[in-house]
């Protein structure tokens, strides 16, 4: 059996090696390492894939979030609502720009931002909402957009974990993650469903004025070289990464299907399990399973991880501490029990290996390892 990885990038690379190598060597031979034609082609291809009117590549997903907020002309003191159960980058950028991050709880089924909690947190200072499409499925975008419209708020979708996911509205309309709000932001970190071989990111929008502002901000605030209209940043997707992404975008649906196969295997193995709760799939959104995250119930999660590690099976906890308990975000201003769903999830979630190249032998080994641990635990209880 092949070694089990959380994300097996090597096996994925070997499968498309000839195409990747040709694409990279093409950039090396051209020496157009910055703003080569592959960057523009990839942006156009991603726009076609997602249905977004405009795609602007940038250096990484965190930059994408920052540029989005700058493009919407948010000012210091403006409040931006996001979920407390997510990676720090989302709230980090809000604080970095002098904006005020307002953290709210998540839905216990999808782990995405709770619309009711979100609306309850809106004040006269609220200017934007950042729903994070966590682990691979969309937040409840129909309700979020309705709330945003009623309160005249911007919506920035963080789709870094859900590229390729499709959301279905109540009227049957379907839209890709990142194309519903005013701006979508994504990351091409290597472990993402669509990942490059370094850092990379992009912004999606259907608004031409916003798109032009994003392009200007990402390019030192200039539309014309050496003429700077606003304070901007230097955030580019380099040509080699664009060349890699141009190849891998062709396989994104295949990658999503492979991840769904793994998720279905786990679902069948742990359905109605007394100690493991499988992820809930929202019928309004496809789930592309950036992570496969169980909830561990009635067992010590650290003991489960230790047992897996002893059997050479990696696992991860996304996330061990909610943002409102992080020192960087003013933990002393919050109290235990303020966001009960997120606090509970942080104590019980456990992500299992999931990647595009996993096979049944590996999956069976993981399932058996977990079931063996449960058997040991039951024997100890009955002893």
Protein backbone atom coordinates (compact mmCIF):
# COMPACT_ATOMS: atom_id res chain seq x y z
CA UNK A 1 0.00 0.00 0.00
CA UNK A 2 1.20 3.51 -0.82
CA UNK A 3 1.96 5.82 2.07
CA UNK A 4 -1.13 7.78 3.12
CA UNK A 5 -0.88 11.56 2.93
CA UNK A 6 -3.38 14.23 3.91
CA UNK A 7 -2.90 15.54 0.37
CA UNK A 8 -0.86 13.42 -2.04
CA UNK A 9 0.55 16.09 -4.33
CA UNK A 10 3.35 13.88 -5.61
CA UNK A 11 1.01 11.22 -7.01
CA UNK A 12 -1.15 13.94 -8.51
CA UNK A 13 1.89 15.51 -10.19
CA UNK A 14 3.13 12.18 -11.58
CA UNK A 15 -0.23 11.64 -13.28
CA UNK A 16 0.03 14.89 -15.27
CA UNK A 17 3.83 15.20 -15.25
CA UNK A 18 4.33 15.55 -18.98
CA UNK A 19 1.81 18.39 -19.27
CA UNK A 20 3.12 20.20 -16.20
CA UNK A 21 6.75 19.87 -17.25
CA UNK A 22 5.99 21.14 -20.74
CA UNK A 23 4.10 24.11 -19.33
CA UNK A 24 6.88 25.05 -16.89
CA UNK A 25 9.68 24.61 -19.42
CA UNK A 26 7.70 26.75 -21.84
CA UNK A 27 7.87 29.61 -19.34
CA UNK A 28 11.57 29.02 -18.70
CA UNK A 29 12.32 29.12 -22.40
CA UNK A 30 10.32 32.32 -22.91
CA UNK A 31 11.81 33.95 -19.75
CA UNK A 32 8.54 35.87 -19.34
CA UNK A 33 8.36 35.10 -15.63
CA UNK A 34 6.10 38.04 -14.81
CA UNK A 35 2.96 38.89 -16.83
CA UNK A 36 3.53 36.15 -19.37
CA UNK A 37 0.61 35.20 -21.65
CA UNK A 38 -0.24 32.20 -19.44
CA UNK A 39 -1.50 34.56 -16.72
CA UNK A 40 -4.06 36.19 -18.97
CA UNK A 41 -5.06 32.84 -20.50
CA UNK A 42 -5.57 31.25 -17.11
CA UNK A 43 -7.70 34.18 -15.94
CA UNK A 44 -9.87 33.86 -19.05
CA UNK A 45 -10.19 30.09 -18.60
CA UNK A 46 -11.14 30.45 -14.95
CA UNK A 47 -13.73 33.08 -15.84
CA UNK A 48 -15.23 30.68 -18.38
CA UNK A 49 -15.22 27.81 -15.88
CA UNK A 50 -16.86 29.75 -13.05
CA UNK A 51 -19.11 31.99 -15.11
CA UNK A 52 -17.56 35.11 -13.56
CA UNK A 53 -17.42 38.12 -15.87
CA UNK A 54 -13.95 39.08 -14.64
CA UNK A 55 -11.08 37.21 -12.97
CA UNK A 56 -8.02 39.04 -11.66
CA UNK A 57 -5.13 36.79 -10.55
CA UNK A 58 -2.98 37.86 -7.59
CA UNK A 59 -0.17 36.56 -5.39
CA UNK A 60 -2.17 34.59 -2.79
CA UNK A 61 -5.55 34.19 -1.17
CA UNK A 62 -4.85 36.56 1.70
CA UNK A 63 -3.90 39.30 -0.75
CA UNK A 64 -7.14 38.59 -2.59
CA UNK A 65 -9.15 39.31 0.56
CA UNK A 66 -7.19 42.48 1.25
CA UNK A 67 -7.52 43.77 -2.30
CA UNK A 68 -11.26 43.04 -2.27
CA UNK A 69 -11.79 45.17 0.84
CA UNK A 70 -9.61 47.94 -0.55
CA UNK A 71 -11.54 47.87 -3.84
CA UNK A 72 -14.84 48.34 -2.00
CA UNK A 73 -13.38 51.47 -0.36
CA UNK A 74 -13.98 50.25 3.17
CA UNK A 75 -12.70 52.72 5.76
CA UNK A 76 -11.09 52.29 9.21
CA UNK A 77 -13.80 51.71 11.76
CA UNK A 78 -16.18 50.06 9.32
CA UNK A 79 -17.46 46.74 10.60
CA UNK A 80 -17.08 43.54 8.60
CA UNK A 81 -18.91 40.41 9.71
CA UNK A 82 -17.37 36.96 9.33
CA UNK A 83 -17.46 33.56 11.05
CA UNK A 84 -15.41 32.76 14.14
CA UNK A 85 -14.92 29.15 12.99
CA UNK A 86 -12.48 29.62 10.12
CA UNK A 87 -8.82 30.21 9.33
CA UNK A 88 -7.39 33.45 10.70
CA UNK A 89 -6.63 35.04 7.33
CA UNK A 90 -10.22 36.18 6.83
CA UNK A 91 -10.38 38.23 10.03
CA UNK A 92 -6.68 39.06 9.90
CA UNK A 93 -7.09 41.15 6.76
CA UNK A 94 -10.09 42.96 8.21
CA UNK A 95 -8.04 44.01 11.24
CA UNK A 96 -4.94 44.80 9.17
CA UNK A 97 -6.86 47.41 7.19
CA UNK A 98 -8.10 49.10 10.37
CA UNK A 99 -11.59 47.70 9.91
CA UNK A 100 -13.44 46.07 12.78
CA UNK A 101 -13.92 42.30 12.54
CA UNK A 102 -17.29 41.25 13.93
CA UNK A 103 -17.30 37.53 14.64
CA UNK A 104 -20.43 35.39 14.64
CA UNK A 105 -21.31 31.74 15.08
CA UNK A 106 -21.73 29.13 12.36
CA UNK A 107 -24.46 26.77 11.28
CA UNK A 108 -24.10 23.44 13.16
CA UNK A 109 -24.73 21.42 9.99
CA UNK A 110 -22.66 23.15 7.29
CA UNK A 111 -20.06 24.83 9.58
CA UNK A 112 -20.52 27.96 7.43
CA UNK A 113 -21.63 31.35 8.76
CA UNK A 114 -25.11 31.35 10.31
CA UNK A 115 -27.36 33.87 8.52
CA UNK A 116 -29.46 34.49 11.64
CA UNK A 117 -26.39 35.22 13.74
CA UNK A 118 -25.00 37.35 10.95
CA UNK A 119 -28.11 39.51 10.67
CA UNK A 120 -28.30 39.94 14.44
CA UNK A 121 -24.76 41.38 14.41
CA UNK A 122 -25.49 44.12 11.85
CA UNK A 123 -25.16 47.69 13.14
CA UNK A 124 -25.06 51.13 11.55
CA UNK A 125 -21.30 50.64 11.12
CA UNK A 126 -21.57 47.35 9.24
CA UNK A 127 -20.40 47.65 5.65
CA UNK A 128 -19.59 44.12 4.48
CA UNK A 129 -20.01 40.39 5.11
CA UNK A 130 -17.41 37.72 4.38
CA UNK A 131 -19.01 34.27 4.23
CA UNK A 132 -16.40 31.50 4.12
CA UNK A 133 -17.40 28.46 2.07
CA UNK A 134 -15.84 26.09 4.57
CA UNK A 135 -14.43 22.65 3.78
CA UNK A 136 -15.91 22.58 0.27
CA UNK A 137 -19.55 23.67 0.24
CA UNK A 138 -21.20 27.05 -0.08
CA UNK A 139 -22.69 29.04 2.76
CA UNK A 140 -26.42 29.81 2.55
CA UNK A 141 -25.87 32.44 -0.14
CA UNK A 142 -29.52 33.07 -1.01
CA UNK A 143 -30.31 34.16 2.54
CA UNK A 144 -27.02 36.00 2.88
CA UNK A 145 -27.57 38.00 -0.31
CA UNK A 146 -31.13 38.81 0.73
CA UNK A 147 -29.90 40.13 4.09
CA UNK A 148 -27.08 42.06 2.43
CA UNK A 149 -29.47 43.67 -0.04
CA UNK A 150 -31.90 44.74 2.69
CA UNK A 151 -29.08 46.31 4.71
CA UNK A 152 -27.11 47.67 1.73
CA UNK A 153 -23.99 45.63 2.50
CA UNK A 154 -21.19 44.27 0.33
CA UNK A 155 -20.61 40.51 0.20
CA UNK A 156 -17.11 39.08 -0.29
CA UNK A 157 -17.16 35.31 -0.76
CA UNK A 158 -14.11 33.46 0.52
CA UNK A 159 -14.16 30.41 -1.75
CA UNK A 160 -10.60 29.25 -1.14
CA UNK A 161 -11.87 25.84 0.02
CA UNK A 162 -14.81 25.51 -2.35
CA UNK A 163 -13.74 26.32 -5.89
CA UNK A 164 -15.87 24.22 -8.22
CA UNK A 165 -18.80 24.08 -5.79
CA UNK A 166 -22.18 25.04 -7.25
CA UNK A 167 -25.01 26.72 -5.35
CA UNK A 168 -28.67 26.27 -6.32
CA UNK A 169 -31.17 29.04 -5.55
CA UNK A 170 -34.81 28.36 -4.70
CA UNK A 171 -35.86 29.27 -8.26
CA UNK A 172 -33.51 26.64 -9.68
CA UNK A 173 -30.81 29.11 -10.75
CA UNK A 174 -27.30 27.72 -10.30
CA UNK A 175 -24.14 29.72 -9.71
CA UNK A 176 -20.56 28.77 -8.96
CA UNK A 177 -19.02 29.63 -5.61
CA UNK A 178 -17.44 33.07 -5.80
CA UNK A 179 -19.80 34.46 -8.44
CA UNK A 180 -22.78 35.27 -6.20
CA UNK A 181 -21.51 38.10 -4.01
CA UNK A 182 -19.93 41.38 -5.11
CA UNK A 183 -16.45 39.80 -5.09
CA UNK A 184 -15.15 36.25 -4.71
CA UNK A 185 -11.66 35.56 -3.42
CA UNK A 186 -9.69 32.36 -3.69
CA UNK A 187 -6.32 30.80 -2.99
CA UNK A 188 -4.27 28.45 -5.13
CA UNK A 189 -2.14 27.17 -2.24
CA UNK A 190 -0.78 23.75 -3.29
CA UNK A 191 -3.16 21.75 -1.09
CA UNK A 192 -6.29 23.45 -2.44
CA UNK A 193 -8.57 21.60 -4.86
CA UNK A 194 -7.10 23.82 -7.57
CA UNK A 195 -3.57 24.39 -6.33
CA UNK A 196 -0.39 25.64 -7.93
CA UNK A 197 3.22 24.80 -7.00
CA UNK A 198 3.77 27.83 -4.83
CA UNK A 199 1.51 30.69 -3.81
CA UNK A 200 -1.29 32.14 -5.89
CA UNK A 201 -4.75 33.64 -5.68
CA UNK A 202 -7.48 35.38 -7.62
CA UNK A 203 -10.50 37.65 -7.34
CA UNK A 204 -13.78 37.10 -9.20
CA UNK A 205 -16.48 39.67 -9.90
CA UNK A 206 -19.29 40.41 -12.30
CA UNK A 207 -18.91 44.18 -11.89
CA UNK A 208 -16.63 45.85 -14.44
CA UNK A 209 -15.97 48.93 -12.30
CA UNK A 210 -14.95 46.76 -9.35
CA UNK A 211 -12.80 44.60 -11.64
CA UNK A 212 -10.92 47.64 -12.96
CA UNK A 213 -10.37 48.91 -9.42
CA UNK A 214 -9.06 45.49 -8.34
CA UNK A 215 -6.61 45.43 -11.26
CA UNK A 216 -5.39 48.90 -10.36
CA UNK A 217 -4.95 48.18 -6.66
CA UNK A 218 -3.10 44.92 -7.32
CA UNK A 219 -0.70 46.82 -9.60
CA UNK A 220 0.58 49.50 -7.20
CA UNK A 221 -2.54 51.61 -7.70
CA UNK A 222 -1.78 52.34 -11.34
CA UNK A 223 -3.76 51.87 -14.52
CA UNK A 224 -1.00 53.45 -16.62
CA UNK A 225 2.60 52.68 -15.70
CA UNK A 226 4.16 55.26 -13.35
CA UNK A 227 0.82 57.09 -12.83
CA UNK A 228 -0.53 56.07 -9.42
CA UNK A 229 -4.17 56.97 -8.74
CA UNK A 230 -4.50 55.29 -5.34
CA UNK A 231 -2.35 53.51 -2.80
CA UNK A 232 -2.12 49.95 -4.01
CA UNK A 233 -0.14 46.77 -3.45
CA UNK A 234 2.16 44.57 -5.49
CA UNK A 235 0.29 41.30 -5.88
CA UNK A 236 0.87 39.21 -8.99
CA UNK A 237 0.41 35.61 -10.00
CA UNK A 238 3.75 34.70 -11.57
CA UNK A 239 3.81 33.06 -14.98
CA UNK A 240 5.08 29.66 -13.84
CA UNK A 241 2.22 29.31 -11.36
CA UNK A 242 -0.27 30.43 -14.01
CA UNK A 243 1.13 27.80 -16.38
CA UNK A 244 0.65 25.10 -13.73
CA UNK A 245 -2.88 26.28 -13.01
CA UNK A 246 -3.73 26.42 -16.70
CA UNK A 247 -3.01 22.68 -16.88
CA UNK A 248 -4.68 21.76 -13.60
CA UNK A 249 -7.87 23.73 -14.26
CA UNK A 250 -8.67 21.21 -17.01
CA UNK A 251 -8.75 18.51 -14.31
CA UNK A 252 -10.63 20.42 -11.60
CA UNK A 253 -13.92 18.58 -12.15
CA UNK A 254 -12.05 15.28 -12.13
CA UNK A 255 -10.33 16.27 -8.89
CA UNK A 256 -13.64 17.24 -7.31
CA UNK A 257 -15.18 13.92 -8.37
CA UNK A 258 -12.24 12.01 -6.90
CA UNK A 259 -12.64 13.82 -3.59
CA UNK A 260 -16.37 13.11 -3.62
CA UNK A 261 -15.62 9.42 -4.16
CA UNK A 262 -13.42 9.41 -1.06
CA UNK A 263 -16.09 11.29 0.90
CA UNK A 264 -18.77 8.81 -0.20
CA UNK A 265 -16.56 5.93 0.96
CA UNK A 266 -16.13 7.51 4.39
CA UNK A 267 -19.85 8.35 4.54
CA UNK A 268 -20.83 4.74 3.95
CA UNK A 269 -18.31 3.50 6.50
CA UNK A 270 -19.36 5.89 9.27
CA UNK A 271 -23.04 6.46 8.53
CA UNK A 272 -25.04 6.21 11.79
CA UNK A 273 -21.80 5.52 13.66
CA UNK A 274 -22.12 5.91 17.44
CA UNK A 275 -18.82 7.81 17.78
CA UNK A 276 -18.28 9.58 14.46
CA UNK A 277 -20.70 12.07 12.89
CA UNK A 278 -20.25 12.43 9.14
CA UNK A 279 -20.43 15.82 7.38
CA UNK A 280 -23.85 17.18 6.50
CA UNK A 281 -24.25 17.95 2.81
CA UNK A 282 -26.46 20.97 2.19
CA UNK A 283 -28.87 20.14 -0.67
CA UNK A 284 -28.49 23.72 -1.93
CA UNK A 285 -24.77 23.27 -2.60
CA UNK A 286 -22.51 20.67 -4.12
CA UNK A 287 -19.69 19.67 -1.79
CA UNK A 288 -16.21 19.43 -3.31
CA UNK A 289 -14.61 18.23 -0.05
CA UNK A 290 -11.49 20.29 0.38
CA UNK A 291 -11.57 18.56 3.76
CA UNK A 292 -13.49 15.56 5.03
CA UNK A 293 -14.30 16.50 8.60
CA UNK A 294 -15.89 14.17 11.11
CA UNK A 295 -17.17 15.11 14.54
CA UNK A 296 -15.80 12.80 17.23
CA UNK A 297 -18.51 12.08 19.81
CA UNK A 298 -18.01 10.11 23.01
CA UNK A 299 -14.33 9.40 22.36
CA UNK A 300 -11.23 11.37 23.25
CA UNK A 301 -10.21 13.09 20.03
CA UNK A 302 -6.52 13.18 20.93
CA UNK A 303 -6.58 9.43 21.53
CA UNK A 304 -8.18 8.94 18.12
CA UNK A 305 -5.45 11.02 16.48
CA UNK A 306 -2.76 9.14 18.39
CA UNK A 307 -4.18 5.80 17.27
CA UNK A 308 -4.25 6.97 13.66
CA UNK A 309 -0.68 8.26 13.89
CA UNK A 310 0.49 4.94 15.35
CA UNK A 311 -0.94 3.35 12.21
CA UNK A 312 0.82 5.91 9.99
CA UNK A 313 -2.41 7.69 9.13
CA UNK A 314 -2.24 11.49 9.23
CA UNK A 315 -5.13 13.63 10.44
CA UNK A 316 -5.70 17.31 11.14
CA UNK A 317 -7.83 19.53 13.35
CA UNK A 318 -9.37 22.44 11.43
CA UNK A 319 -9.60 24.41 13.74
CA UNK A 320 -8.51 23.84 17.36
CA UNK A 321 -9.40 27.35 18.57
CA UNK A 322 -12.11 29.70 17.27
CA UNK A 323 -11.07 33.21 16.30
CA UNK A 324 -12.80 34.82 19.28
CA UNK A 325 -10.47 32.89 21.61
CA UNK A 326 -7.36 33.91 19.66
CA UNK A 327 -5.21 36.53 21.39
CA UNK A 328 -4.75 38.43 18.12
CA UNK A 329 -8.50 39.08 17.93
CA UNK A 330 -9.04 40.23 21.50
CA UNK A 331 -9.89 37.00 23.27
CA UNK A 332 -10.37 38.89 26.54
CA UNK A 333 -13.38 40.66 25.03
CA UNK A 334 -15.28 37.40 24.61
CA UNK A 335 -16.58 34.83 27.05
CA UNK A 336 -16.97 31.07 26.92
CA UNK A 337 -20.32 30.05 25.51
CA UNK A 338 -20.71 33.19 23.41
CA UNK A 339 -20.51 31.19 20.17
CA UNK A 340 -21.47 27.69 21.33
CA UNK A 341 -21.56 25.93 17.95
CA UNK A 342 -18.05 27.03 16.99
CA UNK A 343 -16.68 26.28 20.45
CA UNK A 344 -18.15 22.78 20.34
CA UNK A 345 -16.82 22.12 16.84
CA UNK A 346 -13.30 23.14 17.83
CA UNK A 347 -13.38 20.46 20.50
CA UNK A 348 -14.66 17.62 18.33
CA UNK A 349 -13.78 18.06 14.62
CA UNK A 350 -11.24 15.77 13.00
CA UNK A 351 -10.28 15.81 9.32
CA UNK A 352 -9.28 12.55 7.65
CA UNK A 353 -6.97 12.20 4.63
CA UNK A 354 -8.65 13.13 1.38
CA UNK A 355 -6.94 13.64 -1.95
CA UNK A 356 -7.42 13.01 -5.63
CA UNK A 357 -5.23 9.90 -5.81
CA UNK A 358 -6.51 7.88 -2.84
CA UNK A 359 -7.46 4.27 -3.58
CA UNK A 360 -9.77 1.75 -1.93
CA UNK A 361 -6.89 -0.04 -0.22
CA UNK A 362 -5.89 3.12 1.60
CA UNK A 363 -9.48 3.98 2.46
CA UNK A 364 -10.20 0.51 3.79
CA UNK A 365 -7.06 0.69 5.92
CA UNK A 366 -8.15 4.02 7.46
CA UNK A 367 -11.68 2.80 8.16
CA UNK A 368 -10.41 -0.43 9.73
CA UNK A 369 -7.96 1.49 11.91
CA UNK A 370 -10.74 3.66 13.29
CA UNK A 371 -13.10 0.74 13.79
CA UNK A 372 -10.34 -1.22 15.57
CA UNK A 373 -9.91 1.65 17.98
CA UNK A 374 -13.64 1.72 18.66
CA UNK A 375 -13.59 -2.03 19.31
CA UNK A 376 -10.78 -1.58 21.82
CA UNK A 377 -12.70 1.22 23.52
CA UNK A 378 -15.85 -0.93 23.78
CA UNK A 379 -13.87 -3.81 25.24
CA UNK A 380 -12.43 -1.49 27.86
CA UNK A 381 -15.94 -0.30 28.78
CA UNK A 382 -17.22 -3.86 29.18
CA UNK A 383 -14.18 -5.07 31.13
